[in-house]
Amino acid sequence: MKVHWFGKTVSERCEYARKEEFVSVFERERAGLQRLALLLTANSEAAKQCLVCAFKECITSSSVSKEWVLSWIRRVVIRNAIGLVMDSGVQSFVSTNDDGDDGSIACSPYDSLGETATSESILDLPEFERFVYVICVLERYSIHDCASLLGRPPREIDEARKRVATQAGKMDRLSIVSQHFTTR
């Protein structure tokens, strides 16, 4: 075993994920991926289409390290959501006409956004601000990565992030006040 890089041998660094690993991660992380797609698209049908496209793209990928499978899947979901929502009329990254969805990513009505109180307020944001919020704040992408994904200058992303942060602060204060009055 030669050359160690961050404690791994050359052969360990070069292991690419296989289709089975993508399927396994999609199954294991289904609820979180569905929630991500719903937050981005604000539409359950578009979210399902986004997941199907992401699933197909991922299982045909052959150059993703095993260590990065979940991060890669989440990024592909984000890219597909952008393609579906913000580039309306533009062909999504992967065609959904063939039968790549074998039921592994079926969306359950019980995997809804009801678990988080702020989900409705996120869904009510304008498209661009919603994407910036989900990508920068929830997914913790840098402003530059978000700008690259959305095809916008970093300045626009930063301004949108600040607008959403201001709105979120107001919504949080209103939520606290309304909770105070409903618990009396």
N, C-alpha and C. Protein backbone atom coordinates (compact mmCIF):
# COMPACT_ATOMS: atom_id res chain seq x y z
N MET A 1 0.84 -1.17 0.00
CA MET A 1 0.00 0.00 0.00
C MET A 1 0.89 1.24 0.00
N LYS A 2 0.76 2.03 -1.02
CA LYS A 2 1.56 3.24 -1.16
C LYS A 2 0.75 4.48 -0.79
N VAL A 3 1.41 5.57 -0.77
CA VAL A 3 0.91 6.92 -0.60
C VAL A 3 -0.39 7.01 0.22
N HIS A 4 -0.26 7.67 1.32
CA HIS A 4 -1.44 7.91 2.16
C HIS A 4 -1.87 9.36 2.00
N TRP A 5 -3.15 9.55 1.86
CA TRP A 5 -3.72 10.87 1.70
C TRP A 5 -4.88 10.97 2.66
N PHE A 6 -4.78 11.80 3.65
CA PHE A 6 -5.79 11.93 4.70
C PHE A 6 -6.11 10.57 5.31
N GLY A 7 -5.05 9.78 5.53
CA GLY A 7 -5.23 8.50 6.21
C GLY A 7 -5.78 7.39 5.34
N LYS A 8 -5.89 7.60 4.06
CA LYS A 8 -6.44 6.58 3.16
C LYS A 8 -5.40 6.18 2.13
N THR A 9 -5.44 4.93 1.76
CA THR A 9 -4.53 4.47 0.72
C THR A 9 -5.07 4.89 -0.64
N VAL A 10 -4.23 4.81 -1.64
CA VAL A 10 -4.63 5.18 -2.99
C VAL A 10 -5.85 4.39 -3.42
N SER A 11 -5.88 3.10 -3.15
CA SER A 11 -7.01 2.28 -3.59
C SER A 11 -8.30 2.67 -2.87
N GLU A 12 -8.22 3.10 -1.61
CA GLU A 12 -9.42 3.52 -0.88
C GLU A 12 -9.96 4.84 -1.42
N ARG A 13 -9.09 5.73 -1.87
CA ARG A 13 -9.52 7.03 -2.39
C ARG A 13 -10.23 6.90 -3.72
N CYS A 14 -9.93 5.90 -4.48
CA CYS A 14 -10.42 5.79 -5.85
C CYS A 14 -11.68 4.95 -5.97
N GLU A 15 -12.27 4.57 -4.86
CA GLU A 15 -13.46 3.74 -4.95
C GLU A 15 -14.67 4.61 -5.29
N TYR A 16 -15.26 4.30 -6.42
CA TYR A 16 -16.43 5.04 -6.86
C TYR A 16 -17.69 4.30 -6.44
N ALA A 17 -18.73 5.08 -6.19
CA ALA A 17 -20.01 4.51 -5.79
C ALA A 17 -20.63 3.75 -6.96
N ARG A 18 -21.25 2.65 -6.62
CA ARG A 18 -21.97 1.86 -7.62
C ARG A 18 -23.47 2.17 -7.51
N LYS A 19 -24.21 1.70 -8.46
CA LYS A 19 -25.65 1.91 -8.51
C LYS A 19 -26.31 1.48 -7.20
N GLU A 20 -25.88 0.36 -6.65
CA GLU A 20 -26.47 -0.17 -5.42
C GLU A 20 -26.30 0.80 -4.25
N GLU A 21 -25.16 1.49 -4.22
CA GLU A 21 -24.94 2.45 -3.13
C GLU A 21 -25.86 3.65 -3.25
N PHE A 22 -26.09 4.11 -4.48
CA PHE A 22 -27.02 5.21 -4.68
C PHE A 22 -28.43 4.80 -4.27
N VAL A 23 -28.84 3.61 -4.68
CA VAL A 23 -30.18 3.11 -4.33
C VAL A 23 -30.32 3.03 -2.81
N SER A 24 -29.31 2.51 -2.15
CA SER A 24 -29.33 2.37 -0.70
C SER A 24 -29.47 3.73 -0.01
N VAL A 25 -28.71 4.71 -0.47
CA VAL A 25 -28.78 6.04 0.13
C VAL A 25 -30.13 6.68 -0.16
N PHE A 26 -30.65 6.52 -1.37
CA PHE A 26 -31.98 7.06 -1.68
C PHE A 26 -33.03 6.46 -0.76
N GLU A 27 -32.95 5.16 -0.53
CA GLU A 27 -33.92 4.51 0.35
C GLU A 27 -33.77 4.99 1.79
N ARG A 28 -32.55 5.05 2.27
CA ARG A 28 -32.28 5.43 3.66
C ARG A 28 -32.62 6.90 3.93
N GLU A 29 -32.38 7.77 2.96
CA GLU A 29 -32.55 9.22 3.14
C GLU A 29 -33.80 9.75 2.44
N ARG A 30 -34.72 8.87 2.09
CA ARG A 30 -35.89 9.25 1.30
C ARG A 30 -36.66 10.42 1.89
N ALA A 31 -36.95 10.41 3.17
CA ALA A 31 -37.75 11.48 3.77
C ALA A 31 -37.03 12.82 3.68
N GLY A 32 -35.75 12.85 3.96
CA GLY A 32 -34.98 14.09 3.89
C GLY A 32 -34.86 14.61 2.47
N LEU A 33 -34.66 13.70 1.52
CA LEU A 33 -34.57 14.11 0.12
C LEU A 33 -35.91 14.63 -0.39
N GLN A 34 -36.98 13.97 0.04
CA GLN A 34 -38.31 14.43 -0.36
C GLN A 34 -38.58 15.81 0.23
N ARG A 35 -38.21 16.01 1.48
CA ARG A 35 -38.40 17.31 2.12
C ARG A 35 -37.60 18.39 1.40
N LEU A 36 -36.36 18.07 1.03
CA LEU A 36 -35.53 19.02 0.28
C LEU A 36 -36.21 19.38 -1.04
N ALA A 37 -36.66 18.38 -1.78
CA ALA A 37 -37.31 18.63 -3.08
C ALA A 37 -38.59 19.45 -2.90
N LEU A 38 -39.37 19.15 -1.85
CA LEU A 38 -40.59 19.91 -1.60
C LEU A 38 -40.30 21.36 -1.23
N LEU A 39 -39.30 21.57 -0.40
CA LEU A 39 -38.94 22.94 -0.04
C LEU A 39 -38.48 23.74 -1.25
N LEU A 40 -37.75 23.09 -2.13
CA LEU A 40 -37.25 23.79 -3.31
C LEU A 40 -38.35 24.05 -4.34
N THR A 41 -39.17 23.06 -4.60
CA THR A 41 -40.17 23.20 -5.66
C THR A 41 -41.50 23.78 -5.18
N ALA A 42 -41.80 23.62 -3.89
CA ALA A 42 -43.08 24.07 -3.30
C ALA A 42 -44.28 23.41 -3.97
N ASN A 43 -44.05 22.21 -4.50
CA ASN A 43 -45.11 21.50 -5.21
C ASN A 43 -44.81 20.00 -5.12
N SER A 44 -45.75 19.22 -4.63
CA SER A 44 -45.48 17.80 -4.41
C SER A 44 -45.24 17.03 -5.72
N GLU A 45 -45.96 17.38 -6.78
CA GLU A 45 -45.73 16.69 -8.06
C GLU A 45 -44.37 17.03 -8.65
N ALA A 46 -44.02 18.31 -8.58
CA ALA A 46 -42.70 18.73 -9.07
C ALA A 46 -41.60 18.11 -8.21
N ALA A 47 -41.84 17.98 -6.91
CA ALA A 47 -40.86 17.36 -6.01
C ALA A 47 -40.64 15.90 -6.40
N LYS A 48 -41.71 15.19 -6.70
CA LYS A 48 -41.57 13.78 -7.10
C LYS A 48 -40.80 13.67 -8.42
N GLN A 49 -41.14 14.54 -9.38
CA GLN A 49 -40.43 14.54 -10.66
C GLN A 49 -38.96 14.86 -10.44
N CYS A 50 -38.68 15.81 -9.57
CA CYS A 50 -37.31 16.19 -9.25
C CYS A 50 -36.54 14.99 -8.69
N LEU A 51 -37.17 14.25 -7.77
CA LEU A 51 -36.51 13.08 -7.17
C LEU A 51 -36.29 11.97 -8.19
N VAL A 52 -37.26 11.75 -9.05
CA VAL A 52 -37.11 10.73 -10.09
C VAL A 52 -35.94 11.08 -11.01
N CYS A 53 -35.89 12.34 -11.43
CA CYS A 53 -34.79 12.78 -12.28
C CYS A 53 -33.45 12.64 -11.58
N ALA A 54 -33.40 13.04 -10.31
CA ALA A 54 -32.15 12.94 -9.54
C ALA A 54 -31.73 11.49 -9.38
N PHE A 55 -32.69 10.62 -9.11
CA PHE A 55 -32.41 9.20 -8.95
C PHE A 55 -31.80 8.62 -10.23
N LYS A 56 -32.43 8.94 -11.35
CA LYS A 56 -31.93 8.44 -12.64
C LYS A 56 -30.53 8.95 -12.93
N GLU A 57 -30.32 10.23 -12.68
CA GLU A 57 -29.00 10.81 -12.94
C GLU A 57 -27.94 10.16 -12.06
N CYS A 58 -28.28 9.95 -10.81
CA CYS A 58 -27.30 9.39 -9.86
C CYS A 58 -26.95 7.94 -10.17
N ILE A 59 -27.93 7.14 -10.54
CA ILE A 59 -27.61 5.73 -10.78
C ILE A 59 -26.84 5.53 -12.08
N THR A 60 -26.84 6.55 -12.92
CA THR A 60 -26.03 6.44 -14.14
C THR A 60 -24.66 7.09 -13.98
N SER A 61 -24.44 7.77 -12.85
CA SER A 61 -23.13 8.39 -12.58
C SER A 61 -22.13 7.29 -12.25
N SER A 62 -20.92 7.50 -12.69
CA SER A 62 -19.90 6.51 -12.37
C SER A 62 -18.65 7.14 -11.78
N SER A 63 -18.68 8.43 -11.54
CA SER A 63 -17.46 9.08 -11.07
C SER A 63 -17.66 9.83 -9.76
N VAL A 64 -18.42 9.24 -8.85
CA VAL A 64 -18.64 9.85 -7.55
C VAL A 64 -18.02 8.95 -6.49
N SER A 65 -17.19 9.53 -5.66
CA SER A 65 -16.56 8.78 -4.57
C SER A 65 -17.63 8.27 -3.61
N LYS A 66 -17.40 7.10 -3.05
CA LYS A 66 -18.35 6.52 -2.10
C LYS A 66 -18.62 7.45 -0.93
N GLU A 67 -17.60 8.20 -0.53
CA GLU A 67 -17.73 9.10 0.61
C GLU A 67 -18.64 10.29 0.33
N TRP A 68 -18.87 10.59 -0.92
CA TRP A 68 -19.62 11.78 -1.29
C TRP A 68 -21.01 11.48 -1.85
N VAL A 69 -21.49 10.27 -1.71
CA VAL A 69 -22.76 9.88 -2.33
C VAL A 69 -23.92 10.76 -1.87
N LEU A 70 -24.10 10.90 -0.56
CA LEU A 70 -25.24 11.69 -0.08
C LEU A 70 -25.11 13.15 -0.49
N SER A 71 -23.94 13.72 -0.37
CA SER A 71 -23.74 15.12 -0.78
C SER A 71 -24.03 15.28 -2.26
N TRP A 72 -23.58 14.31 -3.05
CA TRP A 72 -23.81 14.38 -4.50
C TRP A 72 -25.31 14.27 -4.80
N ILE A 73 -26.00 13.36 -4.14
CA ILE A 73 -27.44 13.20 -4.37
C ILE A 73 -28.16 14.51 -4.04
N ARG A 74 -27.85 15.10 -2.91
CA ARG A 74 -28.51 16.34 -2.50
C ARG A 74 -28.25 17.45 -3.53
N ARG A 75 -27.03 17.51 -4.04
CA ARG A 75 -26.70 18.53 -5.05
C ARG A 75 -27.48 18.27 -6.35
N VAL A 76 -27.61 17.02 -6.73
CA VAL A 76 -28.36 16.69 -7.95
C VAL A 76 -29.84 17.02 -7.76
N VAL A 77 -30.39 16.79 -6.56
CA VAL A 77 -31.77 17.17 -6.28
C VAL A 77 -31.92 18.68 -6.44
N ILE A 78 -30.99 19.43 -5.89
CA ILE A 78 -31.03 20.90 -6.00
C ILE A 78 -30.96 21.33 -7.46
N ARG A 79 -30.03 20.76 -8.22
CA ARG A 79 -29.90 21.13 -9.64
C ARG A 79 -31.17 20.81 -10.42
N ASN A 80 -31.76 19.66 -10.15
CA ASN A 80 -32.98 19.29 -10.86
C ASN A 80 -34.15 20.18 -10.46
N ALA A 81 -34.24 20.55 -9.19
CA ALA A 81 -35.30 21.46 -8.75
C ALA A 81 -35.15 22.81 -9.44
N ILE A 82 -33.93 23.29 -9.53
CA ILE A 82 -33.69 24.56 -10.24
C ILE A 82 -34.15 24.43 -11.69
N GLY A 83 -33.79 23.33 -12.32
CA GLY A 83 -34.18 23.11 -13.72
C GLY A 83 -35.69 23.04 -13.89
N LEU A 84 -36.37 22.42 -12.94
CA LEU A 84 -37.82 22.27 -13.03
C LEU A 84 -38.57 23.56 -12.74
N VAL A 85 -38.11 24.30 -11.75
CA VAL A 85 -38.87 25.46 -11.28
C VAL A 85 -38.41 26.77 -11.92
N MET A 86 -37.14 27.03 -11.88
CA MET A 86 -36.65 28.34 -12.31
C MET A 86 -36.42 28.43 -13.81
N ASP A 87 -36.18 27.31 -14.44
CA ASP A 87 -35.97 27.30 -15.88
C ASP A 87 -37.21 26.72 -16.56
N SER A 88 -38.39 27.22 -16.21
CA SER A 88 -39.62 26.67 -16.75
C SER A 88 -39.57 26.65 -18.27
N GLY A 89 -39.98 25.53 -18.80
CA GLY A 89 -39.94 25.34 -20.24
C GLY A 89 -38.65 24.72 -20.71
N VAL A 90 -37.62 24.74 -19.88
CA VAL A 90 -36.35 24.14 -20.25
C VAL A 90 -36.37 22.68 -19.86
N GLN A 91 -35.82 21.84 -20.69
CA GLN A 91 -35.77 20.40 -20.42
C GLN A 91 -35.01 20.14 -19.12
N SER A 92 -35.56 19.28 -18.26
CA SER A 92 -34.85 18.95 -17.03
C SER A 92 -33.62 18.12 -17.37
N PHE A 93 -32.73 17.95 -16.40
CA PHE A 93 -31.45 17.30 -16.63
C PHE A 93 -31.59 15.89 -17.17
N VAL A 94 -32.59 15.15 -16.73
CA VAL A 94 -32.78 13.77 -17.15
C VAL A 94 -34.23 13.60 -17.53
N SER A 95 -34.48 12.96 -18.66
CA SER A 95 -35.85 12.71 -19.09
C SER A 95 -36.54 11.75 -18.14
N THR A 96 -37.84 12.00 -17.88
CA THR A 96 -38.59 11.11 -16.99
C THR A 96 -39.48 10.16 -17.78
N ASN A 97 -39.26 10.04 -19.07
CA ASN A 97 -40.14 9.21 -19.89
C ASN A 97 -39.90 7.71 -19.74
N ASP A 98 -38.68 7.30 -19.44
CA ASP A 98 -38.45 5.86 -19.29
C ASP A 98 -38.74 5.45 -17.86
N ASP A 99 -38.64 4.15 -17.57
CA ASP A 99 -39.04 3.67 -16.25
C ASP A 99 -37.85 3.51 -15.31
N GLY A 100 -37.17 4.59 -15.01
CA GLY A 100 -36.06 4.57 -14.07
C GLY A 100 -36.53 4.54 -12.63
N ASP A 101 -37.78 4.95 -12.37
CA ASP A 101 -38.30 4.92 -11.00
C ASP A 101 -38.89 3.55 -10.76
N ASP A 102 -38.16 2.77 -9.98
CA ASP A 102 -38.62 1.41 -9.68
C ASP A 102 -39.37 1.36 -8.35
N GLY A 103 -39.82 2.51 -7.87
CA GLY A 103 -40.53 2.56 -6.60
C GLY A 103 -39.61 2.83 -5.43
N SER A 104 -38.32 2.87 -5.65
CA SER A 104 -37.37 3.10 -4.56
C SER A 104 -37.51 4.48 -3.96
N ILE A 105 -38.05 5.40 -4.74
CA ILE A 105 -38.15 6.76 -4.23
C ILE A 105 -39.60 7.22 -4.15
N ALA A 106 -40.50 6.29 -3.98
CA ALA A 106 -41.91 6.65 -3.87
C ALA A 106 -42.11 7.64 -2.73
N CYS A 107 -42.92 8.65 -3.00
CA CYS A 107 -43.17 9.68 -1.99
C CYS A 107 -44.39 9.28 -1.17
N SER A 108 -44.23 9.30 0.11
CA SER A 108 -45.31 8.97 1.02
C SER A 108 -46.02 10.25 1.45
N PRO A 109 -47.35 10.21 1.53
CA PRO A 109 -48.06 11.41 1.98
C PRO A 109 -47.73 11.75 3.43
N TYR A 110 -47.18 10.81 4.17
CA TYR A 110 -46.85 11.06 5.57
C TYR A 110 -45.50 11.73 5.72
N ASP A 111 -44.70 11.75 4.67
CA ASP A 111 -43.40 12.42 4.71
C ASP A 111 -43.60 13.87 4.28
N SER A 112 -44.46 14.55 4.97
CA SER A 112 -44.79 15.93 4.57
C SER A 112 -43.91 16.93 5.29
N LEU A 113 -44.19 18.16 5.07
CA LEU A 113 -43.43 19.23 5.69
C LEU A 113 -44.00 19.61 7.04
N GLY A 114 -44.99 18.91 7.51
CA GLY A 114 -45.65 19.26 8.76
C GLY A 114 -44.76 19.21 9.98
N GLU A 115 -43.61 18.57 9.88
CA GLU A 115 -42.73 18.43 11.03
C GLU A 115 -42.10 19.74 11.45
N THR A 116 -41.91 20.67 10.52
CA THR A 116 -41.27 21.92 10.88
C THR A 116 -42.26 23.05 10.77
N ALA A 117 -42.29 23.89 11.79
CA ALA A 117 -43.25 24.99 11.83
C ALA A 117 -42.97 26.03 10.76
N THR A 118 -41.73 26.16 10.34
CA THR A 118 -41.38 27.21 9.39
C THR A 118 -41.55 26.80 7.95
N SER A 119 -41.91 25.56 7.70
CA SER A 119 -42.01 25.09 6.33
C SER A 119 -42.99 25.88 5.49
N GLU A 120 -44.14 26.21 6.07
CA GLU A 120 -45.12 26.98 5.30
C GLU A 120 -44.57 28.34 4.94
N SER A 121 -43.88 28.98 5.87
CA SER A 121 -43.32 30.30 5.56
C SER A 121 -42.23 30.19 4.51
N ILE A 122 -41.49 29.11 4.48
CA ILE A 122 -40.47 28.90 3.44
C ILE A 122 -41.17 28.72 2.10
N LEU A 123 -42.23 27.93 2.07
CA LEU A 123 -42.94 27.69 0.82
C LEU A 123 -43.61 28.95 0.28
N ASP A 124 -43.91 29.89 1.17
CA ASP A 124 -44.56 31.13 0.75
C ASP A 124 -43.58 32.16 0.19
N LEU A 125 -42.29 31.90 0.32
CA LEU A 125 -41.29 32.82 -0.22
C LEU A 125 -41.34 32.82 -1.74
N PRO A 126 -40.99 33.94 -2.38
CA PRO A 126 -40.85 33.95 -3.85
C PRO A 126 -39.79 32.92 -4.25
N GLU A 127 -39.91 32.39 -5.46
CA GLU A 127 -39.02 31.31 -5.92
C GLU A 127 -37.54 31.57 -5.65
N PHE A 128 -37.06 32.69 -6.10
CA PHE A 128 -35.62 32.98 -5.99
C PHE A 128 -35.19 33.01 -4.53
N GLU A 129 -35.93 33.71 -3.69
CA GLU A 129 -35.59 33.79 -2.27
C GLU A 129 -35.68 32.43 -1.60
N ARG A 130 -36.69 31.64 -2.00
CA ARG A 130 -36.83 30.29 -1.44
C ARG A 130 -35.62 29.43 -1.79
N PHE A 131 -35.18 29.48 -3.05
CA PHE A 131 -34.00 28.72 -3.45
C PHE A 131 -32.77 29.17 -2.67
N VAL A 132 -32.58 30.48 -2.57
CA VAL A 132 -31.42 31.00 -1.84
C VAL A 132 -31.47 30.55 -0.39
N TYR A 133 -32.63 30.64 0.24
CA TYR A 133 -32.76 30.25 1.65
C TYR A 133 -32.44 28.77 1.84
N VAL A 134 -33.05 27.93 1.02
CA VAL A 134 -32.84 26.49 1.17
C VAL A 134 -31.38 26.12 0.88
N ILE A 135 -30.83 26.66 -0.19
CA ILE A 135 -29.47 26.29 -0.59
C ILE A 135 -28.43 26.88 0.38
N CYS A 136 -28.53 28.17 0.69
CA CYS A 136 -27.51 28.81 1.53
C CYS A 136 -27.69 28.54 3.01
N VAL A 137 -28.92 28.62 3.49
CA VAL A 137 -29.15 28.51 4.93
C VAL A 137 -29.35 27.06 5.35
N LEU A 138 -30.31 26.38 4.74
CA LEU A 138 -30.60 25.01 5.18
C LEU A 138 -29.54 24.01 4.73
N GLU A 139 -29.09 24.12 3.49
CA GLU A 139 -28.09 23.19 2.97
C GLU A 139 -26.65 23.66 3.22
N ARG A 140 -26.51 24.90 3.64
CA ARG A 140 -25.22 25.49 4.01
C ARG A 140 -24.20 25.56 2.87
N TYR A 141 -24.69 25.82 1.68
CA TYR A 141 -23.79 26.08 0.55
C TYR A 141 -23.27 27.50 0.69
N SER A 142 -22.10 27.75 0.15
CA SER A 142 -21.56 29.11 0.16
C SER A 142 -22.36 29.97 -0.82
N ILE A 143 -22.23 31.28 -0.65
CA ILE A 143 -22.90 32.21 -1.56
C ILE A 143 -22.42 31.97 -2.99
N HIS A 144 -21.13 31.70 -3.14
CA HIS A 144 -20.57 31.47 -4.49
C HIS A 144 -21.09 30.17 -5.10
N ASP A 145 -21.19 29.10 -4.31
CA ASP A 145 -21.76 27.84 -4.83
C ASP A 145 -23.22 28.04 -5.23
N CYS A 146 -23.97 28.74 -4.39
CA CYS A 146 -25.38 29.02 -4.70
C CYS A 146 -25.49 29.85 -5.97
N ALA A 147 -24.62 30.85 -6.10
CA ALA A 147 -24.63 31.69 -7.30
C ALA A 147 -24.35 30.87 -8.54
N SER A 148 -23.42 29.96 -8.42
CA SER A 148 -23.09 29.09 -9.55
C SER A 148 -24.27 28.20 -9.93
N LEU A 149 -24.91 27.61 -8.94
CA LEU A 149 -26.06 26.75 -9.21
C LEU A 149 -27.23 27.51 -9.84
N LEU A 150 -27.46 28.73 -9.35
CA LEU A 150 -28.59 29.51 -9.83
C LEU A 150 -28.26 30.38 -11.05
N GLY A 151 -26.99 30.43 -11.42
CA GLY A 151 -26.59 31.24 -12.56
C GLY A 151 -26.78 32.72 -12.34
N ARG A 152 -26.54 33.17 -11.12
CA ARG A 152 -26.69 34.57 -10.75
C ARG A 152 -25.40 35.07 -10.10
N PRO A 153 -25.19 36.37 -10.10
CA PRO A 153 -23.99 36.91 -9.44
C PRO A 153 -24.08 36.72 -7.92
N PRO A 154 -22.96 36.51 -7.26
CA PRO A 154 -22.96 36.35 -5.80
C PRO A 154 -23.62 37.51 -5.06
N ARG A 155 -23.49 38.72 -5.60
CA ARG A 155 -24.11 39.89 -4.97
C ARG A 155 -25.63 39.71 -4.86
N GLU A 156 -26.27 39.20 -5.92
CA GLU A 156 -27.72 38.97 -5.90
C GLU A 156 -28.09 37.91 -4.86
N ILE A 157 -27.27 36.89 -4.76
CA ILE A 157 -27.52 35.83 -3.78
C ILE A 157 -27.43 36.40 -2.38
N ASP A 158 -26.39 37.18 -2.11
CA ASP A 158 -26.20 37.76 -0.79
C ASP A 158 -27.35 38.69 -0.43
N GLU A 159 -27.80 39.50 -1.39
CA GLU A 159 -28.92 40.41 -1.14
C GLU A 159 -30.20 39.63 -0.83
N ALA A 160 -30.45 38.57 -1.58
CA ALA A 160 -31.64 37.73 -1.35
C ALA A 160 -31.55 37.05 0.01
N ARG A 161 -30.37 36.57 0.36
CA ARG A 161 -30.17 35.92 1.66
C ARG A 161 -30.46 36.89 2.80
N LYS A 162 -30.02 38.11 2.66
CA LYS A 162 -30.27 39.14 3.68
C LYS A 162 -31.76 39.47 3.78
N ARG A 163 -32.44 39.56 2.62
CA ARG A 163 -33.89 39.84 2.63
C ARG A 163 -34.64 38.72 3.35
N VAL A 164 -34.27 37.49 3.05
CA VAL A 164 -34.94 36.35 3.66
C VAL A 164 -34.64 36.30 5.16
N ALA A 165 -33.42 36.61 5.55
CA ALA A 165 -33.06 36.62 6.97
C ALA A 165 -33.90 37.64 7.72
N THR A 166 -34.11 38.81 7.11
CA THR A 166 -34.94 39.84 7.73
C THR A 166 -36.38 39.35 7.87
N GLN A 167 -36.91 38.75 6.80
CA GLN A 167 -38.27 38.21 6.83
C GLN A 167 -38.38 37.10 7.87
N ALA A 168 -37.40 36.22 7.92
CA ALA A 168 -37.43 35.10 8.86
C ALA A 168 -37.44 35.61 10.29
N GLY A 169 -36.67 36.66 10.57
CA GLY A 169 -36.66 37.24 11.91
C GLY A 169 -38.03 37.76 12.30
N LYS A 170 -38.70 38.42 11.36
CA LYS A 170 -40.05 38.93 11.62
C LYS A 170 -41.03 37.78 11.84
N MET A 171 -40.92 36.72 11.00
CA MET A 171 -41.82 35.57 11.13
C MET A 171 -41.60 34.85 12.45
N ASP A 172 -40.33 34.74 12.89
CA ASP A 172 -40.03 34.08 14.16
C ASP A 172 -40.65 34.86 15.32
N ARG A 173 -40.53 36.19 15.28
CA ARG A 173 -41.11 37.01 16.35
C ARG A 173 -42.63 36.86 16.37
N LEU A 174 -43.26 36.87 15.20
CA LEU A 174 -44.71 36.69 15.14
C LEU A 174 -45.12 35.31 15.65
N SER A 175 -44.33 34.30 15.30
CA SER A 175 -44.61 32.94 15.76
C SER A 175 -44.53 32.84 17.28
N ILE A 176 -43.52 33.47 17.87
CA ILE A 176 -43.36 33.44 19.32
C ILE A 176 -44.53 34.14 19.99
N VAL A 177 -44.95 35.30 19.46
CA VAL A 177 -46.07 36.03 20.02
C VAL A 177 -47.35 35.21 19.89
N SER A 178 -47.59 34.61 18.73
CA SER A 178 -48.82 33.83 18.55
C SER A 178 -48.82 32.58 19.42
N GLN A 179 -47.66 31.96 19.63
CA GLN A 179 -47.58 30.79 20.52
C GLN A 179 -47.88 31.20 21.95
N HIS A 180 -47.42 32.38 22.35
CA HIS A 180 -47.65 32.88 23.69
C HIS A 180 -49.14 33.04 23.95
N PHE A 181 -49.87 33.60 22.95
CA PHE A 181 -51.28 33.83 23.12
C PHE A 181 -52.10 32.54 23.02
N THR A 182 -51.65 31.58 22.23
CA THR A 182 -52.41 30.33 22.11
C THR A 182 -52.20 29.39 23.27
N THR A 183 -51.15 29.57 24.04
CA THR A 183 -50.90 28.68 25.18
C THR A 183 -51.56 29.17 26.45
N ARG A 184 -52.18 30.32 26.42
CA ARG A 184 -52.85 30.86 27.61
C ARG A 184 -54.16 30.22 27.85
